[in-house]
Structure formats: structure tokens, C-alpha cells
Amino acid sequence: MPRYEFRCRTCASTFEVDRPMQASGEPADCPAGHHDTVKLLNTVGLGGKVRTAMPSGTPRAMAPPSGGGCCGGACGCG
């Protein structure tokens, strides 16, 4: 069963709710009893090489980094 993350606008706590996909858009009450909550966007990190067409003759130092991660692999995070 999918897990959805919510944040309470009243107390700023973050909590998760397990529910079927058909109920993914339904509101969820905060565990502290507050009703003003918002569903957070879940993101999936994808890794891999980035392929970019570079104009012929472009120096390698000017080519965009590849390798995935948060910065394209330039910092070694990917």
C-alpha cells in the first residue's frame, strides 16, 4: 500500500499515512488533531548518465557534467 507524506499547517509536524491509491487525494488529519494539512509532493531520485548534444568543437571543460545526482555528478554526490 502506498505511503503519503503530509505536513500540518498548524503545528508544522510531518507525518505519513498508508492508504490505497484511490484515496491519495483525500485530506488527512494531523496526529495532534489538527485538520489544516497539506499533502507533500514525493520525488524519486533518478541516477544515470545525462546525454547532451554539444556543438562540434566544444572544449570538454565546457561540456555539462554527467553522472546524475543533485548537480549532475560534479560534486561526487551521484
PDB file of N, CA and C in Angstrom:
ATOM      1  N   MET A   1       0.852  -1.174   0.000  1.00  0.00           N
ATOM      2  CA  MET A   1       0.000   0.000   0.000  1.00  0.00           C
ATOM      3  C   MET A   1       0.900   1.240   0.000  1.00  0.00           C
ATOM      4  N   PRO A   2       0.594   2.213  -0.849  1.00  0.00           N
ATOM      5  CA  PRO A   2       1.420   3.422  -0.914  1.00  0.00           C
ATOM      6  C   PRO A   2       1.363   4.233   0.380  1.00  0.00           C
ATOM      7  N   ARG A   3       2.453   4.935   0.627  1.00  0.00           N
ATOM      8  CA  ARG A   3       2.567   5.790   1.802  1.00  0.00           C
ATOM      9  C   ARG A   3       2.657   7.240   1.321  1.00  0.00           C
ATOM     10  N   TYR A   4       1.850   8.102   1.900  1.00  0.00           N
ATOM     11  CA  TYR A   4       1.813   9.514   1.521  1.00  0.00           C
ATOM     12  C   TYR A   4       2.249  10.368   2.703  1.00  0.00           C
ATOM     13  N   GLU A   5       2.997  11.422   2.399  1.00  0.00           N
ATOM     14  CA  GLU A   5       3.517  12.301   3.443  1.00  0.00           C
ATOM     15  C   GLU A   5       2.700  13.590   3.473  1.00  0.00           C
ATOM     16  N   PHE A   6       2.350  14.017   4.664  1.00  0.00           N
ATOM     17  CA  PHE A   6       1.572  15.231   4.879  1.00  0.00           C
ATOM     18  C   PHE A   6       2.301  16.135   5.864  1.00  0.00           C
ATOM     19  N   ARG A   7       1.993  17.428   5.800  1.00  0.00           N
ATOM     20  CA  ARG A   7       2.511  18.400   6.774  1.00  0.00           C
ATOM     21  C   ARG A   7       1.331  19.175   7.338  1.00  0.00           C
ATOM     22  N   CYS A   8       1.350  19.338   8.648  1.00  0.00           N
ATOM     23  CA  CYS A   8       0.316  20.104   9.333  1.00  0.00           C
ATOM     24  C   CYS A   8       0.679  21.583   9.253  1.00  0.00           C
ATOM     25  N   ARG A   9      -0.248  22.384   8.805  1.00  0.00           N
ATOM     26  CA  ARG A   9      -0.007  23.833   8.718  1.00  0.00           C
ATOM     27  C   ARG A   9      -0.127  24.504  10.078  1.00  0.00           C
ATOM     28  N   THR A  10      -0.767  23.845  11.020  1.00  0.00           N
ATOM     29  CA  THR A  10      -0.950  24.426  12.350  1.00  0.00           C
ATOM     30  C   THR A  10       0.287  24.240  13.222  1.00  0.00           C
ATOM     31  N   CYS A  11       0.787  22.989  13.302  1.00  0.00           N
ATOM     32  CA  CYS A  11       1.927  22.726  14.191  1.00  0.00           C
ATOM     33  C   CYS A  11       3.221  22.402  13.444  1.00  0.00           C
ATOM     34  N   ALA A  12       3.173  22.380  12.112  1.00  0.00           N
ATOM     35  CA  ALA A  12       4.336  22.159  11.240  1.00  0.00           C
ATOM     36  C   ALA A  12       4.927  20.755  11.350  1.00  0.00           C
ATOM     37  N   SER A  13       4.208  19.817  11.958  1.00  0.00           N
ATOM     38  CA  SER A  13       4.727  18.449  12.017  1.00  0.00           C
ATOM     39  C   SER A  13       4.504  17.762  10.671  1.00  0.00           C
ATOM     40  N   THR A  14       5.355  16.790  10.369  1.00  0.00           N
ATOM     41  CA  THR A  14       5.247  15.998   9.152  1.00  0.00           C
ATOM     42  C   THR A  14       4.900  14.577   9.570  1.00  0.00           C
ATOM     43  N   PHE A  15       3.959  13.965   8.857  1.00  0.00           N
ATOM     44  CA  PHE A  15       3.539  12.614   9.184  1.00  0.00           C
ATOM     45  C   PHE A  15       3.195  11.857   7.914  1.00  0.00           C
ATOM     46  N   GLU A  16       3.175  10.526   8.016  1.00  0.00           N
ATOM     47  CA  GLU A  16       2.892   9.677   6.866  1.00  0.00           C
ATOM     48  C   GLU A  16       1.590   8.918   7.087  1.00  0.00           C
ATOM     49  N   VAL A  17       0.904   8.648   5.970  1.00  0.00           N
ATOM     50  CA  VAL A  17      -0.355   7.921   6.001  1.00  0.00           C
ATOM     51  C   VAL A  17      -0.303   6.834   4.937  1.00  0.00           C
ATOM     52  N   ASP A  18      -0.613   5.592   5.316  1.00  0.00           N
ATOM     53  CA  ASP A  18      -0.746   4.492   4.360  1.00  0.00           C
ATOM     54  C   ASP A  18      -2.196   4.440   3.910  1.00  0.00           C
ATOM     55  N   ARG A  19      -2.406   4.463   2.581  1.00  0.00           N
ATOM     56  CA  ARG A  19      -3.764   4.379   2.053  1.00  0.00           C
ATOM     57  C   ARG A  19      -3.716   3.927   0.607  1.00  0.00           C
ATOM     58  N   PRO A  20      -4.819   3.398   0.098  1.00  0.00           N
ATOM     59  CA  PRO A  20      -4.835   2.971  -1.305  1.00  0.00           C
ATOM     60  C   PRO A  20      -4.703   4.176  -2.241  1.00  0.00           C
ATOM     61  N   MET A  21      -4.248   3.920  -3.448  1.00  0.00           N
ATOM     62  CA  MET A  21      -4.049   4.997  -4.422  1.00  0.00           C
ATOM     63  C   MET A  21      -5.350   5.738  -4.708  1.00  0.00           C
ATOM     64  N   GLN A  22      -6.480   5.048  -4.663  1.00  0.00           N
ATOM     65  CA  GLN A  22      -7.765   5.693  -4.922  1.00  0.00           C
ATOM     66  C   GLN A  22      -8.073   6.778  -3.900  1.00  0.00           C
ATOM     67  N   ALA A  23      -7.483   6.687  -2.729  1.00  0.00           N
ATOM     68  CA  ALA A  23      -7.722   7.657  -1.653  1.00  0.00           C
ATOM     69  C   ALA A  23      -6.570   8.640  -1.501  1.00  0.00           C
ATOM     70  N   SER A  24      -5.663   8.690  -2.476  1.00  0.00           N
ATOM     71  CA  SER A  24      -4.465   9.523  -2.334  1.00  0.00           C
ATOM     72  C   SER A  24      -4.771  11.015  -2.204  1.00  0.00           C
ATOM     73  N   GLY A  25      -5.849  11.489  -2.783  1.00  0.00           N
ATOM     74  CA  GLY A  25      -6.171  12.911  -2.734  1.00  0.00           C
ATOM     75  C   GLY A  25      -7.009  13.334  -1.545  1.00  0.00           C
ATOM     76  N   GLU A  26      -7.414  12.383  -0.721  1.00  0.00           N
ATOM     77  CA  GLU A  26      -8.243  12.723   0.433  1.00  0.00           C
ATOM     78  C   GLU A  26      -7.412  13.415   1.512  1.00  0.00           C
ATOM     79  N   PRO A  27      -8.023  14.336   2.263  1.00  0.00           N
ATOM     80  CA  PRO A  27      -7.288  15.007   3.340  1.00  0.00           C
ATOM     81  C   PRO A  27      -6.950  14.039   4.465  1.00  0.00           C
ATOM     82  N   ALA A  28      -5.951  14.407   5.248  1.00  0.00           N
ATOM     83  CA  ALA A  28      -5.542  13.601   6.401  1.00  0.00           C
ATOM     84  C   ALA A  28      -5.405  14.512   7.611  1.00  0.00           C
ATOM     85  N   ASP A  29      -5.935  14.066   8.736  1.00  0.00           N
ATOM     86  CA  ASP A  29      -5.814  14.844   9.973  1.00  0.00           C
ATOM     87  C   ASP A  29      -4.447  14.613  10.604  1.00  0.00           C
ATOM     88  N   CYS A  30      -3.892  15.661  11.177  1.00  0.00           N
ATOM     89  CA  CYS A  30      -2.633  15.604  11.908  1.00  0.00           C
ATOM     90  C   CYS A  30      -2.805  14.686  13.124  1.00  0.00           C
ATOM     91  N   PRO A  31      -1.779  13.922  13.491  1.00  0.00           N
ATOM     92  CA  PRO A  31      -1.868  13.086  14.691  1.00  0.00           C
ATOM     93  C   PRO A  31      -2.189  13.893  15.955  1.00  0.00           C
ATOM     94  N   ALA A  32      -1.885  15.200  15.941  1.00  0.00           N
ATOM     95  CA  ALA A  32      -2.193  16.046  17.098  1.00  0.00           C
ATOM     96  C   ALA A  32      -3.641  16.554  17.059  1.00  0.00           C
ATOM     97  N   GLY A  33      -4.402  16.147  16.010  1.00  0.00           N
ATOM     98  CA  GLY A  33      -5.811  16.519  15.943  1.00  0.00           C
ATOM     99  C   GLY A  33      -6.125  17.728  15.078  1.00  0.00           C
ATOM    100  N   HIS A  34      -5.129  18.323  14.444  1.00  0.00           N
ATOM    101  CA  HIS A  34      -5.375  19.478  13.578  1.00  0.00           C
ATOM    102  C   HIS A  34      -5.901  19.017  12.218  1.00  0.00           C
ATOM    103  N   HIS A  35      -6.695  19.854  11.585  1.00  0.00           N
ATOM    104  CA  HIS A  35      -7.306  19.481  10.310  1.00  0.00           C
ATOM    105  C   HIS A  35      -6.683  20.184   9.112  1.00  0.00           C
ATOM    106  N   ASP A  36      -5.905  21.238   9.320  1.00  0.00           N
ATOM    107  CA  ASP A  36      -5.319  22.010   8.224  1.00  0.00           C
ATOM    108  C   ASP A  36      -3.988  21.383   7.805  1.00  0.00           C
ATOM    109  N   THR A  37      -4.054  20.398   6.908  1.00  0.00           N
ATOM    110  CA  THR A  37      -2.850  19.699   6.459  1.00  0.00           C
ATOM    111  C   THR A  37      -2.735  19.790   4.946  1.00  0.00           C
ATOM    112  N   VAL A  38      -1.537  19.545   4.470  1.00  0.00           N
ATOM    113  CA  VAL A  38      -1.281  19.565   3.031  1.00  0.00           C
ATOM    114  C   VAL A  38      -0.450  18.332   2.683  1.00  0.00           C
ATOM    115  N   LYS A  39      -0.795  17.715   1.551  1.00  0.00           N
ATOM    116  CA  LYS A  39      -0.046  16.547   1.083  1.00  0.00           C
ATOM    117  C   LYS A  39       1.229  17.034   0.432  1.00  0.00           C
ATOM    118  N   LEU A  40       2.354  16.424   0.798  1.00  0.00           N
ATOM    119  CA  LEU A  40       3.643  16.815   0.247  1.00  0.00           C
ATOM    120  C   LEU A  40       3.910  16.047  -1.039  1.00  0.00           C
ATOM    121  N   LEU A  41       4.631  16.657  -1.925  1.00  0.00           N
ATOM    122  CA  LEU A  41       4.996  16.031  -3.190  1.00  0.00           C
ATOM    123  C   LEU A  41       6.152  15.083  -2.953  1.00  0.00           C
ATOM    124  N   ASN A  42       5.982  13.837  -3.322  1.00  0.00           N
ATOM    125  CA  ASN A  42       7.047  12.855  -3.212  1.00  0.00           C
ATOM    126  C   ASN A  42       7.854  12.870  -4.493  1.00  0.00           C
ATOM    127  N   THR A  43       9.153  12.844  -4.357  1.00  0.00           N
ATOM    128  CA  THR A  43      10.011  12.803  -5.525  1.00  0.00           C
ATOM    129  C   THR A  43      10.844  11.542  -5.487  1.00  0.00           C
ATOM    130  N   VAL A  44      11.185  11.066  -6.642  1.00  0.00           N
ATOM    131  CA  VAL A  44      12.010   9.873  -6.748  1.00  0.00           C
ATOM    132  C   VAL A  44      13.329  10.292  -7.367  1.00  0.00           C
ATOM    133  N   GLY A  45      14.414  10.015  -6.674  1.00  0.00           N
ATOM    134  CA  GLY A  45      15.730  10.348  -7.210  1.00  0.00           C
ATOM    135  C   GLY A  45      16.117   9.354  -8.292  1.00  0.00           C
ATOM    136  N   LEU A  46      16.481   9.851  -9.432  1.00  0.00           N
ATOM    137  CA  LEU A  46      16.899   9.001 -10.530  1.00  0.00           C
ATOM    138  C   LEU A  46      18.362   9.244 -10.815  1.00  0.00           C
ATOM    139  N   GLY A  47      19.098   8.200 -10.988  1.00  0.00           N
ATOM    140  CA  GLY A  47      20.515   8.317 -11.311  1.00  0.00           C
ATOM    141  C   GLY A  47      20.744   7.921 -12.747  1.00  0.00           C
ATOM    142  N   GLY A  48      21.922   8.125 -13.205  1.00  0.00           N
ATOM    143  CA  GLY A  48      22.255   7.741 -14.564  1.00  0.00           C
ATOM    144  C   GLY A  48      23.030   8.835 -15.254  1.00  0.00           C
ATOM    145  N   LYS A  49      23.401   8.549 -16.449  1.00  0.00           N
ATOM    146  CA  LYS A  49      24.183   9.497 -17.236  1.00  0.00           C
ATOM    147  C   LYS A  49      23.256  10.448 -17.978  1.00  0.00           C
ATOM    148  N   VAL A  50      23.689  11.685 -18.075  1.00  0.00           N
ATOM    149  CA  VAL A  50      22.961  12.688 -18.829  1.00  0.00           C
ATOM    150  C   VAL A  50      23.653  12.821 -20.176  1.00  0.00           C
ATOM    151  N   ARG A  51      22.889  12.687 -21.232  1.00  0.00           N
ATOM    152  CA  ARG A  51      23.473  12.821 -22.566  1.00  0.00           C
ATOM    153  C   ARG A  51      22.997  14.136 -23.158  1.00  0.00           C
ATOM    154  N   THR A  52      23.944  14.981 -23.521  1.00  0.00           N
ATOM    155  CA  THR A  52      23.630  16.273 -24.102  1.00  0.00           C
ATOM    156  C   THR A  52      24.417  16.425 -25.392  1.00  0.00           C
ATOM    157  N   ALA A  53      23.738  16.846 -26.435  1.00  0.00           N
ATOM    158  CA  ALA A  53      24.428  17.082 -27.698  1.00  0.00           C
ATOM    159  C   ALA A  53      25.180  18.401 -27.597  1.00  0.00           C
ATOM    160  N   MET A  54      26.477  18.356 -27.839  1.00  0.00           N
ATOM    161  CA  MET A  54      27.312  19.553 -27.796  1.00  0.00           C
ATOM    162  C   MET A  54      27.723  19.910 -29.217  1.00  0.00           C
ATOM    163  N   PRO A  55      27.801  21.200 -29.505  1.00  0.00           N
ATOM    164  CA  PRO A  55      28.252  21.612 -30.831  1.00  0.00           C
ATOM    165  C   PRO A  55      29.653  21.069 -31.110  1.00  0.00           C
ATOM    166  N   SER A  56      29.898  20.751 -32.361  1.00  0.00           N
ATOM    167  CA  SER A  56      31.199  20.229 -32.755  1.00  0.00           C
ATOM    168  C   SER A  56      32.282  21.233 -32.384  1.00  0.00           C
ATOM    169  N   GLY A  57      33.363  20.736 -31.803  1.00  0.00           N
ATOM    170  CA  GLY A  57      34.486  21.594 -31.432  1.00  0.00           C
ATOM    171  C   GLY A  57      34.373  22.206 -30.053  1.00  0.00           C
ATOM    172  N   THR A  58      33.325  21.892 -29.275  1.00  0.00           N
ATOM    173  CA  THR A  58      33.180  22.441 -27.931  1.00  0.00           C
ATOM    174  C   THR A  58      34.220  21.805 -27.026  1.00  0.00           C
ATOM    175  N   PRO A  59      35.011  22.621 -26.309  1.00  0.00           N
ATOM    176  CA  PRO A  59      36.003  22.059 -25.395  1.00  0.00           C
ATOM    177  C   PRO A  59      35.334  21.198 -24.322  1.00  0.00           C
ATOM    178  N   ARG A  60      35.983  20.118 -23.936  1.00  0.00           N
ATOM    179  CA  ARG A  60      35.447  19.196 -22.945  1.00  0.00           C
ATOM    180  C   ARG A  60      35.158  19.909 -21.619  1.00  0.00           C
ATOM    181  N   ALA A  61      35.957  20.900 -21.258  1.00  0.00           N
ATOM    182  CA  ALA A  61      35.769  21.622 -19.990  1.00  0.00           C
ATOM    183  C   ALA A  61      34.447  22.380 -19.968  1.00  0.00           C
ATOM    184  N   MET A  62      33.898  22.695 -21.145  1.00  0.00           N
ATOM    185  CA  MET A  62      32.636  23.431 -21.198  1.00  0.00           C
ATOM    186  C   MET A  62      31.435  22.500 -21.261  1.00  0.00           C
ATOM    187  N   ALA A  63      31.653  21.213 -21.415  1.00  0.00           N
ATOM    188  CA  ALA A  63      30.547  20.260 -21.501  1.00  0.00           C
ATOM    189  C   ALA A  63      29.869  20.152 -20.146  1.00  0.00           C
ATOM    190  N   PRO A  64      28.546  19.971 -20.136  1.00  0.00           N
ATOM    191  CA  PRO A  64      27.842  19.836 -18.862  1.00  0.00           C
ATOM    192  C   PRO A  64      28.269  18.558 -18.154  1.00  0.00           C
ATOM    193  N   PRO A  65      28.249  18.572 -16.807  1.00  0.00           N
ATOM    194  CA  PRO A  65      28.621  17.371 -16.062  1.00  0.00           C
ATOM    195  C   PRO A  65      27.604  16.268 -16.306  1.00  0.00           C
ATOM    196  N   SER A  66      28.033  15.038 -16.144  1.00  0.00           N
ATOM    197  CA  SER A  66      27.113  13.923 -16.282  1.00  0.00           C
ATOM    198  C   SER A  66      27.314  12.966 -15.115  1.00  0.00           C
ATOM    199  N   GLY A  67      26.375  12.064 -14.942  1.00  0.00           N
ATOM    200  CA  GLY A  67      26.519  11.073 -13.896  1.00  0.00           C
ATOM    201  C   GLY A  67      25.391  11.098 -12.898  1.00  0.00           C
ATOM    202  N   GLY A  68      24.439  12.013 -13.032  1.00  0.00           N
ATOM    203  CA  GLY A  68      23.292  12.041 -12.133  1.00  0.00           C
ATOM    204  C   GLY A  68      23.591  12.767 -10.850  1.00  0.00           C
ATOM    205  N   GLY A  69      22.814  12.522  -9.833  1.00  0.00           N
ATOM    206  CA  GLY A  69      22.969  13.208  -8.561  1.00  0.00           C
ATOM    207  C   GLY A  69      22.317  14.589  -8.606  1.00  0.00           C
ATOM    208  N   CYS A  70      22.457  15.328  -7.551  1.00  0.00           N
ATOM    209  CA  CYS A  70      21.785  16.611  -7.440  1.00  0.00           C
ATOM    210  C   CYS A  70      22.385  17.681  -8.336  1.00  0.00           C
ATOM    211  N   CYS A  71      23.642  17.506  -8.711  1.00  0.00           N
ATOM    212  CA  CYS A  71      24.293  18.546  -9.519  1.00  0.00           C
ATOM    213  C   CYS A  71      24.873  17.965 -10.802  1.00  0.00           C
ATOM    214  N   GLY A  72      24.367  16.814 -11.234  1.00  0.00           N
ATOM    215  CA  GLY A  72      24.892  16.212 -12.431  1.00  0.00           C
ATOM    216  C   GLY A  72      26.166  15.439 -12.191  1.00  0.00           C
ATOM    217  N   GLY A  73      26.560  15.232 -10.946  1.00  0.00           N
ATOM    218  CA  GLY A  73      27.741  14.464 -10.626  1.00  0.00           C
ATOM    219  C   GLY A  73      28.985  15.291 -10.390  1.00  0.00           C
ATOM    220  N   ALA A  74      28.902  16.614 -10.530  1.00  0.00           N
ATOM    221  CA  ALA A  74      30.079  17.462 -10.393  1.00  0.00           C
ATOM    222  C   ALA A  74      30.649  17.452  -8.976  1.00  0.00           C
ATOM    223  N   CYS A  75      29.821  17.231  -7.978  1.00  0.00           N
ATOM    224  CA  CYS A  75      30.309  17.250  -6.604  1.00  0.00           C
ATOM    225  C   CYS A  75      30.603  15.847  -6.061  1.00  0.00           C
ATOM    226  N   GLY A  76      30.359  14.832  -6.865  1.00  0.00           N
ATOM    227  CA  GLY A  76      30.597  13.470  -6.415  1.00  0.00           C
ATOM    228  C   GLY A  76      29.437  12.873  -5.649  1.00  0.00           C
ATOM    229  N   CYS A  77      28.290  13.543  -5.634  1.00  0.00           N
ATOM    230  CA  CYS A  77      27.145  13.030  -4.881  1.00  0.00           C
ATOM    231  C   CYS A  77      26.406  11.940  -5.627  1.00  0.00           C
ATOM    232  N   GLY A  78      26.588  11.861  -6.929  1.00  0.00           N
ATOM    233  CA  GLY A  78      25.802  10.920  -7.721  1.00  0.00           C
ATOM    234  C   GLY A  78      26.522   9.671  -7.937  1.00  0.00           C
TER     235      GLY A  78
END
